[in-house]
Structure formats: structure tokens, C-alpha cells
Amino acid sequence: MQKLIIKGKKKLFGSIDISGSKNATLPILAATLLTDKAVTLKNIPLVQDVYTMINLLKFIGLNIKISKKKNILKTSSNRKFKTLAPYNLLKTMRAGVLVLGPLLAKYRKAKVSLPGGCAIGARPVNLHLFALEKLGAKIKIKNGYMHATAENGLKGAIIKFPSISVGATESAILAAVSAEGKTIISNCAIEPEIQDMIVFLKKLGCNINFIGKRKILIIGTKKFKSTSHEVIFDRIELGTYLIAAALVGTKITLFKIKTKIIETEIKLLKKMGIKMKIDKNKITVFESGKINSVNIKTEPYPGFPTDLQAQIMVLMLRASGISKITENIFENRFMHVPELRRMGAKIITKKNTAYVTGPTNLSGAEVMATDLRASVSLVLAALNADSLTVINRVYHLDRGYENLEKKLKKCKANINRV
């Protein structure tokens, strides 16, 4: 099994190009099932979750070609579709459930495995099913599979989510865009990745518009066009490297971004005392002196993202005083804490809140990644720790970070995979 070996306390400098967004690419890939026309996607991140989704779409019946040098993917239909998404292709990836809506809309039936992914909380599919049943689907869960039918096709409906869910919002949109009639979705998630999917769907020929901050109007259509789309940058990858630069950087510039999308994260880092030069399409981080403690809570966009909670915790270990993180999205998202403690971190957790005491000198240790974002928090801790750190189970990293070692090595980090 592969490991990362990192020698910390090395000052980093240079530049990093931020990759396309994994969390935007996955629902857009699912949306390509809606059309029989050719689709070209640019700036896709070549990470394991994307490859898993590609393999799922190939199994279902899409022809897919990837240009790895240019990060371009092209799809076309071979007209021999399966309406099955098996367990072996969904066991490592939550987003596989997103094929359920398009398959139901197009073929009026689907059998999709209950999904896997990171073990960071229950993340039930009940809100996905709630939305699809509002659109007329009949769904039974049996033997680990969702058996769904819509004998008369999906029909437009009013869907008001009881709580905000990114995945369920995506499922509802992907089903409703080709359902018969009008659908109104309210209390929906508005993450940039969802907005990027909507941009793609409009190019595809869908009639979809925001009619309020968290309210979407969709008029269903069966007429889809051939299109090309460039996926937005990965704001979580950007946030991760911003924190790396704040921890051990002297001068690091991050390119291929839109700073307007991450105003919350920038505001927080400035509050912590991180020195940055903010431009429209790049950020330069300079070496900072004293880092201030802060209190934060994770929230749906535009709040602070749960996917950056583990990473910001490592920066809090450099801050003076006690910082507090309240995790409001997933109930099991402090699994990195015991591993950080092995490196000397002073962190106490009580229910969904972590209290982080700093500044703390971290020391290298052998640690184990438990999920995607926890694994990268260990990388950040290792970059700032004395001596060597060995990180096991780095396959979690490969699910969501493209060329992580290569990008850090370009900035002179001492990091190797063995």
C-alpha cells in the first residue's frame, strides 16, 4: 500500500495552478446521461473519483475519451444503455447516486446501488429520494440497491427541501430538467459547483433559472444539444494550498482561480493575520508572523465549507490561544483529530465542536488517513512538523487531489510517495 513520506519545516515558495473542481465535474458527468449528443468537458481534474464516475458512465453506455495532457473529456452515446449502477462502481464514491435522476428521467427505471465514499457521517439518501418521489418516482430499497420506476415518466412538481443538501439539490435538478412540465425547487443548495452544473445544463438546452436566493424554476425539456463546457476551479483545493502557504510558505502564488467565489475563506484568513495579495484571478500568500485564534462554524455556501474544516484546524495549531470549530454538516468529521494528536496537537472535541490550542510544535509521526479531507490535513501538519511523517492509506488523497506531490514539490516541499 502506498505511503507519503514528508520531511517538515521546509519553507515553500513558487506557484501552483489550481485544478478543475471535482465536486463540479461529478454532477456534470452524470448530466451527460441526459443527451445523445456529443459533449466536451474541459479542465476536468484527473482524480480517482472522476475516473470512478467515468467507469460508471461507460458501464451504463456512454462512449468516453480523455485527453490527459489537456484535461479534456468527450462523451457520446452508443444507444445501448443499461439502467444499472452496480455496487462495485459506487462503493468508494458518494456522487454515483447522481445517475439515478437522469436514468429515471430518460428510461423510466433505474437500479442504483446505495453509495459509499468517505466515512464522515450518515449522509443518507433520503433527501435524494424525497425529491425524486415528488417528481413521480416510486422507489424501494432492497438488498443494498435503490429500485426506482416512473412508469408514466417524471412530472414537474414543487419540491421544498426540509434541510439544505448539495447532493439532493443536484439529484432534483438532474431529474427535473427533463421531467414533463414545471418544477420549483426551494431551500436548495447554492454552492458554486451547483451553479456551474446549471451553466452546463443551460448550454445543453435546459430551461433552468434561479427565481430567488435558494429557489430554482425548471421547465422540463427532452431536446438537448451538443455542447462544450469548461469546469470551474476547485475551491477546496485552493483553500488547501492557501493554508499550506500560510503554514510554511515564504511567497506562493495560486493561479487559475476566481477569488470572488471564496470571499468567506479569504476574510477568515485575513482575520487570522495571513498576509495576502488578492487579485481577480490569483492570490499571493506571504510569510506571516503571529497568527490569531478564531472561532468558526461550518455552513452551506456561502458559509465556511465543511470540506476545509480539517485543513483550517492545522492552521489553528499555529495560532496563539484557543480556536473553536463547530461542525454543522457531518457528524463524524473529526476523525483526523486523533492522528493530529499523535503529532502533538492539543485538540479537545465535545460533540460537534473542537477546541484547538496553539501555538503547538508538531512532531513527525506515523499516521493514517481516514477520509479525503482528513488525509490532506495530515499532509499540511507534516509540512509544519519537526522530522519525518509517514502518512498511510493515501488512496483517500487520490480521490480528490490532482498531482498533490508534484504541486508541492514544485514549491520545494520534501514529499515522496513510496
Protein backbone atom coordinates (compact mmCIF):
# COMPACT_ATOMS: atom_id res chain seq x y z
CA MET A 1 0.00 0.00 0.00
CA GLN A 2 1.34 3.44 -0.91
CA LYS A 3 2.52 5.94 1.70
CA LEU A 4 3.62 9.55 1.73
CA ILE A 5 6.86 10.45 3.49
CA ILE A 6 7.20 14.13 4.32
CA LYS A 7 10.06 15.99 5.97
CA GLY A 8 8.66 19.13 7.54
CA LYS A 9 9.82 22.63 8.44
CA LYS A 10 10.96 23.35 4.90
CA LYS A 11 9.98 26.81 3.66
CA LEU A 12 7.97 26.73 0.44
CA PHE A 13 7.95 29.25 -2.40
CA GLY A 14 6.78 29.29 -6.01
CA SER A 15 3.41 28.95 -7.75
CA ILE A 16 0.60 26.43 -8.09
CA ASP A 17 -2.09 26.13 -10.78
CA ILE A 18 -5.40 25.09 -9.24
CA SER A 19 -7.16 22.18 -10.96
CA GLY A 20 -10.76 21.92 -12.07
CA SER A 21 -13.37 21.17 -9.42
CA LYS A 22 -14.00 17.52 -8.59
CA ASN A 23 -17.32 18.41 -6.97
CA ALA A 24 -18.47 20.26 -10.10
CA THR A 25 -17.20 17.63 -12.54
CA LEU A 26 -19.07 14.70 -10.96
CA PRO A 27 -22.66 16.04 -11.31
CA ILE A 28 -21.84 17.44 -14.77
CA LEU A 29 -20.64 13.98 -15.83
CA ALA A 30 -23.90 12.50 -14.50
CA ALA A 31 -25.80 15.11 -16.54
CA THR A 32 -24.22 13.88 -19.78
CA LEU A 33 -26.52 10.84 -19.50
CA LEU A 34 -29.43 13.12 -20.43
CA THR A 35 -28.29 13.71 -24.01
CA ASP A 36 -27.49 11.53 -27.01
CA LYS A 37 -25.41 14.38 -28.46
CA ALA A 38 -21.65 14.82 -28.09
CA VAL A 39 -20.36 16.71 -25.03
CA THR A 40 -16.87 18.10 -24.46
CA LEU A 41 -15.70 18.94 -20.94
CA LYS A 42 -12.52 20.91 -20.30
CA ASN A 43 -10.46 21.47 -17.14
CA ILE A 44 -11.60 18.22 -15.55
CA PRO A 45 -9.42 17.07 -12.62
CA LEU A 46 -7.87 13.66 -13.30
CA VAL A 47 -8.54 12.26 -9.82
CA GLN A 48 -9.82 8.87 -8.74
CA ASP A 49 -13.43 9.95 -8.09
CA VAL A 50 -13.64 11.32 -11.64
CA TYR A 51 -12.22 8.09 -13.07
CA THR A 52 -14.74 6.11 -10.99
CA MET A 53 -17.62 8.19 -12.39
CA ILE A 54 -16.24 7.76 -15.93
CA ASN A 55 -16.13 3.97 -15.43
CA LEU A 56 -19.72 4.06 -14.18
CA LEU A 57 -20.88 6.03 -17.23
CA LYS A 58 -19.01 3.68 -19.55
CA PHE A 59 -20.71 0.72 -17.85
CA ILE A 60 -24.12 2.39 -18.33
CA GLY A 61 -23.39 3.01 -22.02
CA LEU A 62 -21.52 6.22 -22.79
CA ASN A 63 -18.52 6.37 -25.09
CA ILE A 64 -15.87 8.47 -23.34
CA LYS A 65 -12.46 9.64 -24.46
CA ILE A 66 -9.98 11.50 -22.26
CA SER A 67 -7.09 13.70 -23.34
CA LYS A 68 -4.87 13.58 -20.24
CA LYS A 69 -2.45 16.24 -21.47
CA LYS A 70 -5.20 18.84 -21.86
CA ASN A 71 -7.63 17.56 -19.21
CA ILE A 72 -10.40 17.27 -21.81
CA LEU A 73 -13.13 14.64 -21.82
CA LYS A 74 -15.53 13.87 -24.69
CA THR A 75 -18.70 11.79 -24.42
CA SER A 76 -21.15 10.34 -26.91
CA SER A 77 -23.95 7.80 -26.64
CA ASN A 78 -23.72 4.30 -28.12
CA ARG A 79 -27.51 3.84 -27.66
CA LYS A 80 -27.06 0.57 -25.76
CA PHE A 81 -27.80 1.73 -22.26
CA LYS A 82 -28.02 -0.20 -19.02
CA THR A 83 -30.17 1.24 -16.27
CA LEU A 84 -27.99 -0.35 -13.58
CA ALA A 85 -25.32 1.29 -11.42
CA PRO A 86 -23.63 -1.57 -9.53
CA TYR A 87 -22.14 -1.60 -6.05
CA ASN A 88 -18.57 -2.22 -7.21
CA LEU A 89 -18.63 1.15 -9.03
CA LEU A 90 -20.32 3.13 -6.25
CA LYS A 91 -18.69 1.69 -3.13
CA THR A 92 -15.92 4.33 -2.99
CA MET A 93 -17.82 7.34 -4.26
CA ARG A 94 -20.84 9.19 -2.93
CA ALA A 95 -21.61 11.02 -6.19
CA GLY A 96 -22.55 7.83 -8.05
CA VAL A 97 -26.10 8.24 -6.73
CA LEU A 98 -26.46 11.23 -9.11
CA VAL A 99 -27.05 8.92 -12.08
CA LEU A 100 -30.40 7.88 -10.58
CA GLY A 101 -32.29 11.02 -11.67
CA PRO A 102 -31.07 11.12 -15.30
CA LEU A 103 -31.68 7.38 -15.77
CA LEU A 104 -35.21 7.67 -14.36
CA ALA A 105 -35.96 10.72 -16.49
CA LYS A 106 -34.70 9.10 -19.68
CA TYR A 107 -35.57 5.40 -19.27
CA ARG A 108 -38.27 5.49 -16.58
CA LYS A 109 -36.43 2.93 -14.48
CA ALA A 110 -33.12 2.51 -12.67
CA LYS A 111 -31.40 0.19 -10.22
CA VAL A 112 -28.66 2.05 -8.38
CA SER A 113 -26.52 0.83 -5.50
CA LEU A 114 -26.59 2.74 -2.26
CA PRO A 115 -23.39 4.82 -2.38
CA GLY A 116 -20.11 4.69 -0.48
CA GLY A 117 -17.46 7.40 -0.11
CA CYS A 118 -15.81 8.85 2.97
CA ALA A 119 -17.00 7.60 6.36
CA ILE A 120 -17.61 11.12 7.69
CA GLY A 121 -21.25 10.72 8.63
CA ALA A 122 -24.52 9.03 7.80
CA ARG A 123 -25.23 11.19 4.72
CA PRO A 124 -28.41 9.26 3.98
CA VAL A 125 -30.02 9.32 0.53
CA ASN A 126 -33.44 10.15 1.97
CA LEU A 127 -33.44 13.72 0.59
CA HIS A 128 -32.47 12.45 -2.88
CA LEU A 129 -35.38 10.02 -2.77
CA PHE A 130 -37.70 12.68 -1.31
CA ALA A 131 -37.10 14.86 -4.37
CA LEU A 132 -37.44 12.06 -6.92
CA GLU A 133 -40.66 10.80 -5.33
CA LYS A 134 -42.10 14.33 -5.55
CA LEU A 135 -41.41 14.10 -9.31
CA GLY A 136 -43.41 10.87 -9.52
CA ALA A 137 -40.83 8.13 -8.97
CA LYS A 138 -41.62 5.01 -6.98
CA ILE A 139 -38.58 3.78 -5.10
CA LYS A 140 -37.88 0.73 -2.96
CA ILE A 141 -34.61 -0.10 -1.22
CA LYS A 142 -33.80 -3.78 -1.33
CA ASN A 143 -30.54 -5.71 -0.93
CA GLY A 144 -28.45 -2.53 -0.89
CA TYR A 145 -29.98 -1.14 -4.09
CA MET A 146 -32.47 1.61 -4.89
CA HIS A 147 -35.05 0.17 -7.30
CA ALA A 148 -36.78 3.13 -8.97
CA THR A 149 -39.51 3.35 -11.57
CA ALA A 150 -41.53 6.14 -13.20
CA GLU A 151 -43.94 4.26 -15.48
CA ASN A 152 -45.59 7.43 -16.79
CA GLY A 153 -42.39 9.46 -16.80
CA LEU A 154 -41.34 12.11 -14.30
CA LYS A 155 -43.69 15.07 -13.84
CA GLY A 156 -42.84 18.58 -12.69
CA ALA A 157 -43.55 19.30 -9.04
CA ILE A 158 -42.97 21.68 -6.15
CA ILE A 159 -40.04 20.45 -4.04
CA LYS A 160 -39.19 22.17 -0.77
CA PHE A 161 -36.24 20.58 0.99
CA PRO A 162 -36.57 20.33 4.79
CA SER A 163 -32.83 20.98 5.05
CA ILE A 164 -30.12 22.15 2.64
CA SER A 165 -28.33 19.32 0.84
CA VAL A 166 -25.85 19.69 -2.02
CA GLY A 167 -26.28 16.16 -3.37
CA ALA A 168 -30.08 16.15 -3.10
CA THR A 169 -30.27 19.53 -4.85
CA GLU A 170 -28.17 18.11 -7.69
CA SER A 171 -30.36 14.99 -7.89
CA ALA A 172 -33.54 17.06 -8.03
CA ILE A 173 -32.19 19.33 -10.78
CA LEU A 174 -30.84 16.44 -12.88
CA ALA A 175 -34.21 14.70 -12.77
CA ALA A 176 -36.41 17.78 -13.19
CA VAL A 177 -34.69 19.25 -16.28
CA SER A 178 -36.30 16.57 -18.46
CA ALA A 179 -39.45 15.96 -16.40
CA GLU A 180 -42.74 16.96 -18.01
CA GLY A 181 -43.87 20.46 -17.02
CA LYS A 182 -42.72 22.93 -14.38
CA THR A 183 -40.67 22.23 -11.26
CA ILE A 184 -39.91 24.66 -8.45
CA ILE A 185 -37.15 23.67 -6.03
CA SER A 186 -36.81 25.72 -2.84
CA ASN A 187 -34.40 25.68 0.13
CA CYS A 188 -31.82 24.33 -2.29
CA ALA A 189 -28.04 24.42 -2.00
CA ILE A 190 -26.31 27.18 -3.99
CA GLU A 191 -22.69 26.02 -3.92
CA PRO A 192 -20.54 27.26 -6.85
CA GLU A 193 -20.34 23.68 -8.09
CA ILE A 194 -24.14 23.54 -8.41
CA GLN A 195 -24.15 26.89 -10.19
CA ASP A 196 -21.52 25.56 -12.60
CA MET A 197 -23.67 22.49 -13.28
CA ILE A 198 -26.59 24.82 -14.05
CA VAL A 199 -24.42 26.77 -16.51
CA PHE A 200 -23.61 23.46 -18.23
CA LEU A 201 -27.28 22.37 -18.27
CA LYS A 202 -28.28 25.65 -19.90
CA LYS A 203 -25.70 25.08 -22.61
CA LEU A 204 -27.19 21.60 -23.02
CA GLY A 205 -30.60 23.17 -23.73
CA CYS A 206 -32.27 23.06 -20.30
CA ASN A 207 -34.66 25.78 -19.16
CA ILE A 208 -33.47 26.47 -15.61
CA ASN A 209 -33.21 29.70 -13.65
CA PHE A 210 -32.89 31.00 -10.10
CA ILE A 211 -36.02 32.89 -9.04
CA GLY A 212 -34.78 33.58 -5.50
CA LYS A 213 -31.62 33.08 -3.44
CA ARG A 214 -32.42 29.41 -2.79
CA LYS A 215 -35.24 28.87 -5.29
CA ILE A 216 -34.98 27.39 -8.79
CA LEU A 217 -37.56 27.23 -11.60
CA ILE A 218 -37.18 24.47 -14.20
CA ILE A 219 -39.28 23.86 -17.33
CA GLY A 220 -38.63 20.32 -18.49
CA THR A 221 -37.37 19.50 -22.00
CA LYS A 222 -36.37 16.45 -24.00
CA LYS A 223 -34.43 18.44 -26.58
CA PHE A 224 -30.74 18.55 -25.74
CA LYS A 225 -27.85 19.98 -27.71
CA SER A 226 -24.23 19.14 -28.27
CA THR A 227 -22.09 21.44 -26.14
CA SER A 228 -18.68 22.26 -24.67
CA HIS A 229 -18.03 23.43 -21.12
CA GLU A 230 -15.01 24.37 -19.00
CA VAL A 231 -15.38 23.23 -15.39
CA ILE A 232 -14.74 25.83 -12.66
CA PHE A 233 -11.67 25.69 -10.43
CA ASP A 234 -11.61 23.59 -7.26
CA ARG A 235 -12.20 25.99 -4.36
CA ILE A 236 -11.39 23.30 -1.80
CA GLU A 237 -8.04 22.60 -3.44
CA LEU A 238 -7.40 26.35 -3.49
CA GLY A 239 -8.28 26.63 0.20
CA THR A 240 -5.97 23.73 1.00
CA TYR A 241 -2.99 25.35 -0.72
CA LEU A 242 -3.80 28.75 0.79
CA ILE A 243 -3.50 27.10 4.20
CA ALA A 244 -0.28 25.30 3.19
CA ALA A 245 1.17 28.64 2.08
CA ALA A 246 0.09 30.28 5.34
CA LEU A 247 1.72 27.48 7.34
CA VAL A 248 5.12 27.14 5.67
CA GLY A 249 5.25 29.49 2.68
CA THR A 250 7.50 32.48 2.10
CA LYS A 251 5.79 33.57 -1.13
CA ILE A 252 3.37 31.31 -3.02
CA THR A 253 1.07 32.43 -5.84
CA LEU A 254 -2.04 30.45 -6.72
CA PHE A 255 -3.36 30.75 -10.29
CA LYS A 256 -6.40 29.74 -12.40
CA ILE A 257 -9.00 30.86 -9.87
CA LYS A 258 -11.78 33.39 -9.27
CA THR A 259 -11.32 34.99 -5.88
CA LYS A 260 -14.93 36.20 -5.75
CA ILE A 261 -16.05 32.61 -5.12
CA ILE A 262 -14.02 32.22 -1.91
CA GLU A 263 -14.68 35.54 -0.16
CA THR A 264 -15.60 33.79 3.12
CA GLU A 265 -12.30 31.88 3.24
CA ILE A 266 -10.25 34.97 2.34
CA LYS A 267 -11.97 37.02 5.06
CA LEU A 268 -11.23 34.32 7.66
CA LEU A 269 -7.55 34.00 6.70
CA LYS A 270 -7.15 37.79 6.88
CA LYS A 271 -8.76 37.73 10.33
CA MET A 272 -6.15 35.14 11.34
CA GLY A 273 -3.42 37.54 10.22
CA ILE A 274 -2.36 35.83 7.00
CA LYS A 275 -0.66 38.27 4.61
CA MET A 276 -2.06 38.02 1.09
CA LYS A 277 -2.29 39.99 -2.13
CA ILE A 278 -5.70 39.37 -3.68
CA ASP A 279 -6.24 39.77 -7.42
CA LYS A 280 -9.24 38.78 -9.55
CA ASN A 281 -7.67 35.56 -10.86
CA LYS A 282 -4.74 34.88 -8.49
CA ILE A 283 -3.73 35.10 -4.83
CA THR A 284 -0.20 35.52 -3.46
CA VAL A 285 0.42 34.44 0.14
CA PHE A 286 3.39 35.87 2.05
CA GLU A 287 5.10 34.63 5.19
CA SER A 288 3.06 35.69 8.21
CA GLY A 289 4.18 36.41 11.76
CA LYS A 290 1.75 35.91 14.60
CA ILE A 291 -1.41 34.00 13.69
CA ASN A 292 -4.62 34.86 15.53
CA SER A 293 -7.07 32.37 17.03
CA VAL A 294 -10.61 32.36 15.58
CA ASN A 295 -14.00 30.74 16.12
CA ILE A 296 -15.74 29.29 13.08
CA LYS A 297 -18.65 27.05 12.19
CA THR A 298 -19.18 25.07 9.00
CA GLU A 299 -22.25 26.01 6.99
CA PRO A 300 -23.72 25.63 3.49
CA TYR A 301 -22.29 28.06 0.93
CA PRO A 302 -21.59 30.95 1.26
CA GLY A 303 -20.59 29.91 4.79
CA PHE A 304 -17.30 28.27 5.69
CA PRO A 305 -17.11 24.87 3.90
CA THR A 306 -17.03 21.61 5.82
CA ASP A 307 -14.51 20.36 3.24
CA LEU A 308 -11.93 22.83 4.64
CA GLN A 309 -12.59 22.17 8.31
CA ALA A 310 -9.77 19.63 8.79
CA GLN A 311 -7.27 21.85 6.96
CA ILE A 312 -8.06 25.05 8.87
CA MET A 313 -7.68 23.11 12.12
CA VAL A 314 -4.00 22.58 11.28
CA LEU A 315 -3.54 26.33 10.81
CA MET A 316 -5.25 26.91 14.16
CA LEU A 317 -2.45 24.87 15.75
CA ARG A 318 -0.12 27.73 14.74
CA ALA A 319 -2.42 30.40 16.19
CA SER A 320 -2.00 32.00 19.62
CA GLY A 321 -4.74 30.96 22.02
CA ILE A 322 -7.75 28.68 21.77
CA SER A 323 -9.65 28.44 18.48
CA LYS A 324 -13.04 26.78 18.14
CA ILE A 325 -14.58 24.88 15.22
CA THR A 326 -18.24 23.84 15.25
CA GLU A 327 -19.01 21.20 12.60
CA ASN A 328 -22.63 21.59 11.48
CA ILE A 329 -22.67 19.47 8.31
CA PHE A 330 -21.34 15.97 9.09
CA GLU A 331 -21.38 14.26 12.47
CA ASN A 332 -18.19 12.18 12.08
CA ARG A 333 -15.86 14.77 10.66
CA PHE A 334 -13.27 14.92 13.44
CA MET A 335 -11.61 11.60 12.62
CA HIS A 336 -8.35 13.41 11.80
CA VAL A 337 -8.13 14.69 15.39
CA PRO A 338 -6.62 11.50 16.95
CA GLU A 339 -3.99 11.42 14.20
CA LEU A 340 -3.12 15.10 14.74
CA ARG A 341 -2.83 14.36 18.47
CA ARG A 342 -0.25 11.70 17.63
CA MET A 343 1.81 14.54 16.18
CA GLY A 344 1.46 16.61 19.36
CA ALA A 345 -1.68 18.61 18.63
CA LYS A 346 -3.68 19.93 21.59
CA ILE A 347 -7.29 19.42 20.48
CA ILE A 348 -10.34 18.59 22.59
CA THR A 349 -13.62 17.59 20.97
CA LYS A 350 -17.03 17.86 22.62
CA LYS A 351 -19.91 16.62 20.46
CA ASN A 352 -19.69 18.65 17.23
CA THR A 353 -17.17 21.22 18.49
CA ALA A 354 -13.36 21.09 18.54
CA TYR A 355 -11.23 23.32 20.76
CA VAL A 356 -7.75 23.84 19.32
CA THR A 357 -4.91 25.22 21.47
CA GLY A 358 -1.91 26.90 19.88
CA PRO A 359 0.76 27.63 19.08
CA THR A 360 1.82 23.98 19.15
CA ASN A 361 5.05 22.49 17.85
CA LEU A 362 4.13 19.38 15.88
CA SER A 363 6.50 16.43 15.60
CA GLY A 364 6.60 13.85 12.82
CA ALA A 365 4.86 10.52 13.39
CA GLU A 366 3.33 7.61 11.52
CA VAL A 367 -0.32 8.41 10.92
CA MET A 368 -3.28 7.05 8.97
CA ALA A 369 -5.66 8.87 6.63
CA THR A 370 -9.35 8.19 7.32
CA ASP A 371 -11.03 10.21 4.56
CA LEU A 372 -10.25 12.62 1.72
CA ARG A 373 -10.03 15.91 3.62
CA ALA A 374 -8.58 14.34 6.76
CA SER A 375 -5.75 12.91 4.69
CA VAL A 376 -4.76 16.30 3.29
CA SER A 377 -4.89 17.83 6.78
CA LEU A 378 -2.20 15.31 7.76
CA VAL A 379 -0.12 16.45 4.78
CA LEU A 380 -0.43 20.05 6.00
CA ALA A 381 0.51 19.04 9.54
CA ALA A 382 3.50 17.08 8.22
CA LEU A 383 4.75 20.10 6.25
CA ASN A 384 4.82 22.06 9.52
CA ALA A 385 6.18 19.28 11.77
CA ASP A 386 9.68 18.52 13.00
CA SER A 387 11.32 15.44 11.43
CA LEU A 388 9.63 12.81 9.24
CA THR A 389 5.95 12.00 8.97
CA VAL A 390 4.64 8.85 7.29
CA ILE A 391 1.03 9.01 6.07
CA ASN A 392 -0.67 5.67 5.36
CA ARG A 393 -3.74 4.97 3.21
CA VAL A 394 -3.09 7.85 0.83
CA TYR A 395 -5.56 6.43 -1.70
CA HIS A 396 -8.03 8.76 0.03
CA LEU A 397 -5.96 11.70 -1.22
CA ASP A 398 -6.03 10.43 -4.79
CA ARG A 399 -9.83 10.60 -4.81
CA GLY A 400 -9.78 14.40 -4.79
CA TYR A 401 -6.34 15.99 -5.23
CA GLU A 402 -4.67 16.07 -8.64
CA ASN A 403 -0.85 15.90 -8.65
CA LEU A 404 -0.58 16.88 -4.98
CA GLU A 405 3.05 15.79 -4.55
CA LYS A 406 4.04 17.33 -7.88
CA LYS A 407 2.48 20.69 -6.99
CA LEU A 408 4.09 20.77 -3.54
CA LYS A 409 7.48 19.62 -4.88
CA LYS A 410 7.35 22.47 -7.38
CA CYS A 411 7.31 24.74 -4.32
CA LYS A 412 10.31 22.85 -2.86
CA ALA A 413 8.43 20.60 -0.39
CA ASN A 414 10.23 17.44 0.73
CA ILE A 415 7.47 14.93 -0.06
CA ASN A 416 7.69 11.48 -1.63
CA ARG A 417 5.36 8.59 -2.34
CA VAL A 418 6.62 5.07 -1.69
